[in-house]
């Protein structure tokens, strides 16, 4: 018997010896041995039933499977894969249905599993999928409650210079805060936002798509930029992936910006920026907006009252959180284990709060990032999605 499995069994026996003394509660033992209460009671029921090997693991695979795919069909699936090595399970199933329509071919997913077992599919590295946190229907209803930020698609001026216009709009008033040519990087966007925050003040939230430098595929969807915004107590809201319509107001402004300034690009980047500046002034001060009863956005916007601090304070956590600092490569040292959290948060402090299930909720500022389970594996959350459209909007 493997040494590791022997240690597990000894731990289970020792755990129930301590339980039988009556000196420890179920919750205390579950935390000490890194299991959930439900798991504890499962072992307790097995022991109470008189099973002499109650502390052994039981196989979770059933002994028989009445719905198992017949061997002759498996052989045909494998033969079709060898015949068309670039075909995936869906294409293989379509070919098999074409050649044998009367046979009970299994689903494409079952075919995929069979091909993996036969070693005919390169599985490749696979990341654990993020746990979805649902969708949040949101949108600013008063000025500076929310700003939206995006890059209008890049293009070149007539001298060949690349232009990446960063645009920021107040959601409620439609006030266009900036159109600035900056590199589409963390440093480029943060520099312009620092200038804008210093000149006007801080919004309550910033809405963006999921791409860099605004978001990332990591825990909570956070990037270095969105982590910085959270430390400024600015909520970070991501639209659902591939759904620009959920930031439709911003997209419509982009169409007008392109028509007015970039259909025939300027000669140089400096000349193009002058066009953008003139468009911002016209858009805010002169152009009537239908959603504002044909009045310009400037009549509905005033500067935020919250100012940019001289120093960004570190995150603060309640007393029921264990505070850890994320190392340079995105991991923490916790319970004598290295646990990867997020490279985007390197150098930041996170809080871990114990859950009744036995795991620990991982949080940065007020954003939940995921859960460290009793097995000390980190399961990351996807960001909560924020749709801009209300039920009445199309």
Protein backbone atom coordinates (compact mmCIF):
# COMPACT_ATOMS: atom_id res chain seq x y z
CA UNK A 1 0.00 0.00 0.00
CA UNK A 2 1.46 3.45 -0.92
CA UNK A 3 2.94 5.37 1.99
CA UNK A 4 0.76 8.43 1.32
CA UNK A 5 -2.47 6.39 1.50
CA UNK A 6 -1.27 4.75 4.73
CA UNK A 7 -0.77 8.21 6.29
CA UNK A 8 -4.30 9.25 5.31
CA UNK A 9 -5.79 6.17 6.98
CA UNK A 10 -3.75 6.74 10.14
CA UNK A 11 -4.94 10.35 10.25
CA UNK A 12 -8.59 9.24 10.02
CA UNK A 13 -8.16 6.76 12.84
CA UNK A 14 -6.39 9.36 14.98
CA UNK A 15 -9.09 11.92 14.25
CA UNK A 16 -11.85 9.66 15.57
CA UNK A 17 -9.80 8.71 18.62
CA UNK A 18 -9.72 12.41 19.47
CA UNK A 19 -13.45 12.70 18.68
CA UNK A 20 -14.27 9.81 21.03
CA UNK A 21 -12.58 11.62 23.92
CA UNK A 22 -15.34 14.25 23.76
CA UNK A 23 -12.78 17.03 24.11
CA UNK A 24 -13.10 18.29 20.53
CA UNK A 25 -16.04 19.45 18.44
CA UNK A 26 -16.63 18.32 14.87
CA UNK A 27 -15.75 21.78 13.58
CA UNK A 28 -12.42 21.81 15.43
CA UNK A 29 -11.44 18.38 14.11
CA UNK A 30 -12.51 19.24 10.56
CA UNK A 31 -10.31 22.33 10.58
CA UNK A 32 -7.39 20.50 12.16
CA UNK A 33 -7.44 17.69 9.59
CA UNK A 34 -8.35 19.88 6.62
CA UNK A 35 -11.70 18.30 5.75
CA UNK A 36 -15.28 19.50 5.58
CA UNK A 37 -17.93 18.65 8.17
CA UNK A 38 -19.78 16.63 5.52
CA UNK A 39 -16.71 14.46 4.94
CA UNK A 40 -16.33 13.91 8.69
CA UNK A 41 -19.92 12.69 9.00
CA UNK A 42 -19.45 10.37 6.01
CA UNK A 43 -16.56 8.63 7.81
CA UNK A 44 -18.59 8.59 11.02
CA UNK A 45 -21.54 6.84 9.33
CA UNK A 46 -19.27 4.20 7.79
CA UNK A 47 -17.68 3.49 11.18
CA UNK A 48 -21.09 3.31 12.87
CA UNK A 49 -22.27 0.73 10.30
CA UNK A 50 -19.61 -1.66 11.56
CA UNK A 51 -17.41 -1.62 8.46
CA UNK A 52 -14.04 -2.95 9.73
CA UNK A 53 -12.28 -1.06 6.90
CA UNK A 54 -14.22 2.16 7.32
CA UNK A 55 -11.02 4.23 7.14
CA UNK A 56 -10.17 2.96 3.61
CA UNK A 57 -11.06 4.92 0.47
CA UNK A 58 -13.87 3.45 -1.58
CA UNK A 59 -13.77 3.36 -5.34
CA UNK A 60 -16.17 5.90 -6.81
CA UNK A 61 -16.45 4.05 -10.13
CA UNK A 62 -19.46 1.71 -10.45
CA UNK A 63 -18.76 -1.94 -11.03
CA UNK A 64 -20.92 -2.14 -14.15
CA UNK A 65 -22.28 0.36 -16.66
CA UNK A 66 -25.44 -0.67 -18.54
CA UNK A 67 -25.01 2.21 -20.99
CA UNK A 68 -21.42 1.36 -21.95
CA UNK A 69 -20.70 1.82 -25.66
CA UNK A 70 -20.30 -1.54 -27.42
CA UNK A 71 -16.75 -2.53 -28.29
CA UNK A 72 -17.48 -2.72 -32.03
CA UNK A 73 -18.62 0.91 -32.06
CA UNK A 74 -15.53 1.99 -30.12
CA UNK A 75 -13.38 0.20 -32.70
CA UNK A 76 -15.19 2.01 -35.52
CA UNK A 77 -14.69 5.37 -33.80
CA UNK A 78 -10.96 4.71 -33.38
CA UNK A 79 -10.67 3.58 -37.01
CA UNK A 80 -12.36 6.76 -38.24
CA UNK A 81 -9.96 8.86 -36.17
CA UNK A 82 -6.98 7.07 -37.70
CA UNK A 83 -8.50 7.61 -41.14
CA UNK A 84 -9.02 11.33 -40.48
CA UNK A 85 -6.48 12.27 -37.78
CA UNK A 86 -7.36 15.99 -37.91
CA UNK A 87 -11.07 15.40 -37.29
CA UNK A 88 -12.50 16.12 -33.87
CA UNK A 89 -15.28 14.07 -32.18
CA UNK A 90 -18.11 16.04 -33.84
CA UNK A 91 -16.76 15.57 -37.35
CA UNK A 92 -16.04 11.90 -36.66
CA UNK A 93 -19.60 11.40 -35.45
CA UNK A 94 -20.97 13.11 -38.55
CA UNK A 95 -18.94 10.80 -40.81
CA UNK A 96 -20.00 7.70 -38.86
CA UNK A 97 -23.67 8.72 -39.05
CA UNK A 98 -23.28 9.20 -42.77
CA UNK A 99 -21.77 5.75 -43.25
CA UNK A 100 -23.87 3.92 -40.65
CA UNK A 101 -27.10 5.85 -40.05
CA UNK A 102 -28.89 2.88 -38.48
CA UNK A 103 -26.33 2.38 -35.69
CA UNK A 104 -26.70 3.90 -32.22
CA UNK A 105 -23.63 6.10 -32.26
CA UNK A 106 -22.83 7.75 -28.90
CA UNK A 107 -22.60 11.49 -28.33
CA UNK A 108 -19.56 13.41 -29.53
CA UNK A 109 -18.41 13.89 -25.93
CA UNK A 110 -18.46 10.12 -25.38
CA UNK A 111 -16.47 9.64 -28.57
CA UNK A 112 -13.96 12.19 -27.33
CA UNK A 113 -13.53 10.29 -24.07
CA UNK A 114 -13.01 7.03 -25.96
CA UNK A 115 -10.37 8.61 -28.20
CA UNK A 116 -8.55 9.97 -25.15
CA UNK A 117 -8.51 6.55 -23.53
CA UNK A 118 -7.08 5.11 -26.75
CA UNK A 119 -4.34 7.74 -26.81
CA UNK A 120 -5.57 9.21 -30.10
CA UNK A 121 -6.11 12.73 -28.77
CA UNK A 122 -3.45 15.10 -27.47
CA UNK A 123 -5.09 16.48 -24.36
CA UNK A 124 -2.48 19.19 -23.82
CA UNK A 125 -2.23 21.34 -20.69
CA UNK A 126 -5.55 22.39 -19.29
CA UNK A 127 -6.26 25.12 -16.78
CA UNK A 128 -8.98 24.72 -14.21
CA UNK A 129 -11.99 26.71 -15.32
CA UNK A 130 -13.02 29.71 -13.28
CA UNK A 131 -16.10 29.60 -11.09
CA UNK A 132 -18.70 32.00 -12.50
CA UNK A 133 -20.12 34.57 -10.10
CA UNK A 134 -23.21 35.37 -12.14
CA UNK A 135 -24.14 38.61 -13.82
CA UNK A 136 -24.74 42.02 -12.31
CA UNK A 137 -27.14 44.34 -14.10
CA UNK A 138 -25.62 47.76 -13.49
CA UNK A 139 -25.20 51.20 -14.93
CA UNK A 140 -24.61 54.66 -13.56
CA UNK A 141 -27.73 56.76 -13.07
CA UNK A 142 -26.01 59.90 -11.77
CA UNK A 143 -22.85 61.64 -12.97
CA UNK A 144 -19.57 59.95 -11.92
CA UNK A 145 -21.30 56.90 -10.46
CA UNK A 146 -19.65 55.00 -13.29
CA UNK A 147 -17.25 55.75 -16.14
CA UNK A 148 -16.65 53.44 -19.08
CA UNK A 149 -13.21 53.04 -20.66
CA UNK A 150 -12.06 51.47 -23.91
CA UNK A 151 -9.65 51.74 -26.81
CA UNK A 152 -11.14 52.70 -30.14
CA UNK A 153 -9.60 50.42 -32.76
CA UNK A 154 -6.07 51.47 -33.72
CA UNK A 155 -5.17 52.92 -37.12
CA UNK A 156 -2.24 54.74 -38.76
CA UNK A 157 -1.87 58.36 -39.68
CA UNK A 158 -0.69 59.26 -43.16
CA UNK A 159 2.97 59.27 -42.05
CA UNK A 160 2.62 55.68 -40.83
CA UNK A 161 2.41 56.39 -37.09
CA UNK A 162 0.22 54.01 -35.10
CA UNK A 163 -2.62 55.66 -33.17
CA UNK A 164 -4.36 53.99 -30.20
CA UNK A 165 -7.10 56.35 -28.91
CA UNK A 166 -8.08 55.73 -25.27
CA UNK A 167 -11.61 56.97 -24.56
CA UNK A 168 -13.36 57.53 -21.21
CA UNK A 169 -17.07 58.41 -20.93
CA UNK A 170 -19.34 59.12 -17.96
CA UNK A 171 -22.14 56.54 -18.23
CA UNK A 172 -25.06 58.63 -16.96
CA UNK A 173 -24.35 62.04 -18.52
CA UNK A 174 -22.57 60.71 -21.66
CA UNK A 175 -19.85 63.29 -20.95
CA UNK A 176 -16.70 62.42 -22.91
CA UNK A 177 -13.87 62.85 -20.42
CA UNK A 178 -10.92 62.14 -22.71
CA UNK A 179 -9.80 60.88 -26.09
CA UNK A 180 -6.05 60.50 -25.79
CA UNK A 181 -3.46 58.68 -27.89
CA UNK A 182 -1.58 56.42 -25.45
CA UNK A 183 0.10 53.00 -25.69
CA UNK A 184 -2.42 50.19 -24.97
CA UNK A 185 -0.40 49.09 -21.94
CA UNK A 186 -0.64 49.26 -18.16
CA UNK A 187 1.78 52.21 -17.99
CA UNK A 188 0.09 54.05 -20.85
CA UNK A 189 -3.45 53.74 -19.49
CA UNK A 190 -2.52 54.32 -15.86
CA UNK A 191 -0.61 57.49 -16.79
CA UNK A 192 -3.63 58.97 -18.57
CA UNK A 193 -6.01 57.92 -15.78
CA UNK A 194 -3.76 59.51 -13.15
CA UNK A 195 -3.81 62.75 -15.16
CA UNK A 196 -7.59 62.54 -15.54
CA UNK A 197 -8.23 61.63 -11.88
CA UNK A 198 -5.95 64.47 -10.77
CA UNK A 199 -7.76 66.98 -12.98
CA UNK A 200 -11.35 65.93 -12.28
CA UNK A 201 -11.57 63.48 -9.36
CA UNK A 202 -12.43 59.80 -8.88
CA UNK A 203 -15.54 57.97 -10.16
CA UNK A 204 -17.37 55.31 -8.20
CA UNK A 205 -16.77 52.59 -10.78
CA UNK A 206 -15.06 51.93 -14.12
CA UNK A 207 -16.61 49.66 -16.76
CA UNK A 208 -14.47 47.96 -19.41
CA UNK A 209 -14.15 44.88 -21.55
CA UNK A 210 -12.12 41.89 -20.38
CA UNK A 211 -9.00 42.42 -22.50
CA UNK A 212 -5.68 43.83 -21.42
CA UNK A 213 -4.69 46.06 -19.86
CA UNK A 214 -8.15 46.39 -18.25
CA UNK A 215 -8.74 42.73 -17.36
CA UNK A 216 -7.04 39.34 -17.49
CA UNK A 217 -7.92 35.62 -17.52
CA UNK A 218 -6.71 35.35 -13.92
CA UNK A 219 -8.53 35.26 -10.61
CA UNK A 220 -11.45 37.67 -10.50
CA UNK A 221 -10.47 38.87 -13.99
CA UNK A 222 -8.07 41.33 -12.38
CA UNK A 223 -5.08 42.88 -14.09
CA UNK A 224 -2.45 45.21 -12.60
CA UNK A 225 -4.58 48.16 -13.77
CA UNK A 226 -7.85 46.92 -12.28
CA UNK A 227 -6.06 46.05 -9.02
CA UNK A 228 -4.80 49.64 -8.84
CA UNK A 229 -8.34 50.92 -9.40
CA UNK A 230 -9.68 48.72 -6.61
CA UNK A 231 -7.05 50.11 -4.23
CA UNK A 232 -8.40 53.57 -5.09
CA UNK A 233 -11.86 52.32 -3.98
CA UNK A 234 -13.07 52.40 -7.58
CA UNK A 235 -15.25 49.41 -8.38
CA UNK A 236 -14.16 47.44 -11.45
CA UNK A 237 -16.93 46.17 -13.73
CA UNK A 238 -16.39 43.89 -16.71
CA UNK A 239 -18.92 43.36 -19.48
CA UNK A 240 -19.58 39.73 -20.57
CA UNK A 241 -16.88 38.48 -22.98
CA UNK A 242 -17.62 39.11 -26.66
CA UNK A 243 -20.56 41.40 -25.83
CA UNK A 244 -19.70 44.96 -26.96
CA UNK A 245 -23.46 45.63 -27.06
CA UNK A 246 -23.35 45.65 -23.26
CA UNK A 247 -21.32 48.82 -23.53
CA UNK A 248 -23.40 50.10 -26.43
CA UNK A 249 -23.36 53.77 -25.44
CA UNK A 250 -19.57 53.76 -25.62
CA UNK A 251 -19.58 51.91 -28.95
CA UNK A 252 -21.97 54.45 -30.50
CA UNK A 253 -19.68 57.27 -29.43
CA UNK A 254 -16.79 55.42 -31.08
CA UNK A 255 -18.66 55.31 -34.39
CA UNK A 256 -19.21 59.06 -34.27
CA UNK A 257 -15.59 59.65 -33.26
CA UNK A 258 -14.37 57.65 -36.24
CA UNK A 259 -16.71 59.38 -38.67
CA UNK A 260 -15.71 62.83 -37.46
CA UNK A 261 -11.96 62.39 -37.03
CA UNK A 262 -10.52 59.26 -38.62
CA UNK A 263 -12.25 58.37 -41.88
CA UNK A 264 -9.42 60.28 -43.54
CA UNK A 265 -6.59 60.11 -40.98
CA UNK A 266 -4.51 63.17 -40.21
CA UNK A 267 -0.96 63.59 -41.46
CA UNK A 268 0.68 62.99 -38.05
CA UNK A 269 -0.21 61.67 -34.60
CA UNK A 270 -0.04 65.22 -33.20
CA UNK A 271 -2.49 66.47 -35.84
CA UNK A 272 -4.76 63.50 -35.11
CA UNK A 273 -4.73 64.33 -31.38
CA UNK A 274 -5.79 67.89 -32.24
CA UNK A 275 -8.77 66.44 -34.10
CA UNK A 276 -9.66 64.33 -31.07
CA UNK A 277 -9.47 67.35 -28.76
CA UNK A 278 -11.78 69.33 -31.02
CA UNK A 279 -14.23 66.42 -31.14
CA UNK A 280 -14.31 66.19 -27.31
CA UNK A 281 -15.19 69.87 -27.04
CA UNK A 282 -17.89 69.64 -29.72
CA UNK A 283 -19.35 66.40 -28.33
CA UNK A 284 -19.65 67.76 -24.79
CA UNK A 285 -20.52 71.40 -25.35
CA UNK A 286 -22.43 71.64 -28.64
CA UNK A 287 -23.81 68.34 -29.87
CA UNK A 288 -27.39 67.62 -28.65
CA UNK A 289 -27.84 64.11 -27.28
CA UNK A 290 -31.14 62.33 -27.85
CA UNK A 291 -31.00 60.47 -24.52
CA UNK A 292 -30.56 63.84 -22.76
CA UNK A 293 -33.63 65.46 -24.33
CA UNK A 294 -31.50 66.96 -27.09
CA UNK A 295 -29.20 68.76 -24.68
CA UNK A 296 -25.38 68.45 -24.66
CA UNK A 297 -23.64 66.28 -22.00
CA UNK A 298 -21.86 69.22 -20.40
CA UNK A 299 -25.17 70.39 -18.91
CA UNK A 300 -25.50 67.10 -17.00
CA UNK A 301 -21.95 66.55 -15.72
CA UNK A 302 -19.95 68.09 -12.90
CA UNK A 303 -16.59 67.04 -11.50
CA UNK A 304 -16.49 64.29 -8.82
CA UNK A 305 -16.01 65.35 -5.22
CA UNK A 306 -13.65 62.49 -4.35
CA UNK A 307 -10.03 63.43 -5.03
CA UNK A 308 -6.98 61.39 -6.02
CA UNK A 309 -4.92 60.70 -2.85
CA UNK A 310 -1.21 61.51 -2.72
CA UNK A 311 -0.51 57.87 -1.80
CA UNK A 312 -2.67 54.85 -2.59
CA UNK A 313 -3.43 53.11 0.73
CA UNK A 314 -2.95 49.33 1.08
CA UNK A 315 -6.08 47.14 1.23
CA UNK A 316 -7.79 46.83 4.62
CA UNK A 317 -9.43 43.61 5.85
CA UNK A 318 -11.69 42.74 8.79
CA UNK A 319 -10.27 40.97 11.83
CA UNK A 320 -11.65 37.59 10.67
CA UNK A 321 -9.25 37.61 7.68
CA UNK A 322 -5.75 36.17 7.60
CA UNK A 323 -3.62 38.65 5.62
CA UNK A 324 -0.97 37.35 3.21
CA UNK A 325 1.31 39.11 0.75
CA UNK A 326 1.51 37.76 -2.78
CA UNK A 327 5.05 37.00 -3.91
CA UNK A 328 6.66 38.20 -7.13
CA UNK A 329 5.47 35.20 -9.15
CA UNK A 330 1.87 35.37 -7.94
CA UNK A 331 1.88 32.81 -5.12
CA UNK A 332 1.50 32.95 -1.34
CA UNK A 333 3.08 30.82 1.37
CA UNK A 334 0.22 29.57 3.52
CA UNK A 335 -0.11 26.56 5.79
CA UNK A 336 3.42 25.57 4.73
CA UNK A 337 2.36 25.36 1.08
CA UNK A 338 3.01 27.53 -1.98
CA UNK A 339 -0.40 28.41 -3.47
CA UNK A 340 -0.62 30.31 -6.75
CA UNK A 341 -3.17 33.16 -6.72
CA UNK A 342 -2.44 35.73 -9.45
CA UNK A 343 0.63 37.32 -11.04
CA UNK A 344 -1.38 40.51 -11.54
CA UNK A 345 -1.44 40.96 -7.75
CA UNK A 346 2.28 40.47 -7.15
CA UNK A 347 3.30 42.51 -4.12
CA UNK A 348 -0.31 43.09 -2.99
CA UNK A 349 -1.91 42.00 0.28
CA UNK A 350 -4.91 39.67 0.20
CA UNK A 351 -7.25 38.44 2.94
CA UNK A 352 -8.36 34.84 3.57
CA UNK A 353 -11.57 34.26 5.54
CA UNK A 354 -12.55 30.80 6.78
CA UNK A 355 -15.80 29.36 5.46
CA UNK A 356 -18.11 26.93 7.24
CA UNK A 357 -17.35 24.40 4.49
CA UNK A 358 -13.76 24.23 5.71
CA UNK A 359 -12.21 26.22 2.87
CA UNK A 360 -11.08 29.84 2.86
CA UNK A 361 -12.46 32.69 0.75
CA UNK A 362 -9.68 34.71 -0.90
CA UNK A 363 -10.33 38.44 -1.24
CA UNK A 364 -8.49 41.48 -2.61
CA UNK A 365 -9.93 44.76 -1.34
CA UNK A 366 -13.68 44.02 -1.61
CA UNK A 367 -13.37 41.70 -4.64
CA UNK A 368 -13.68 37.94 -4.07
CA UNK A 369 -11.00 36.09 -6.05
CA UNK A 370 -11.73 32.44 -5.29
CA UNK A 371 -11.59 29.74 -2.63
CA UNK A 372 -8.70 27.77 -1.18
CA UNK A 373 -10.23 24.37 -0.49
CA UNK A 374 -9.41 21.99 2.35
CA UNK A 375 -6.94 20.32 -0.05
CA UNK A 376 -5.13 23.70 -0.33
CA UNK A 377 -5.95 24.05 -4.03
CA UNK A 378 -7.05 27.49 -5.22
CA UNK A 379 -10.26 27.62 -7.27
CA UNK A 380 -10.46 31.03 -8.90
CA UNK A 381 -13.63 33.02 -9.53
CA UNK A 382 -14.48 34.67 -12.80
CA UNK A 383 -15.38 38.35 -12.38
CA UNK A 384 -19.01 39.28 -11.83
CA UNK A 385 -20.34 40.50 -15.17
CA UNK A 386 -21.95 43.91 -15.40
CA UNK A 387 -24.46 44.52 -18.18
CA UNK A 388 -25.15 48.11 -19.14
CA UNK A 389 -28.49 47.54 -20.85
CA UNK A 390 -31.66 47.64 -18.79
CA UNK A 391 -34.68 45.51 -19.61
CA UNK A 392 -36.17 48.43 -21.58
CA UNK A 393 -33.13 49.03 -23.76
CA UNK A 394 -32.53 47.20 -27.00
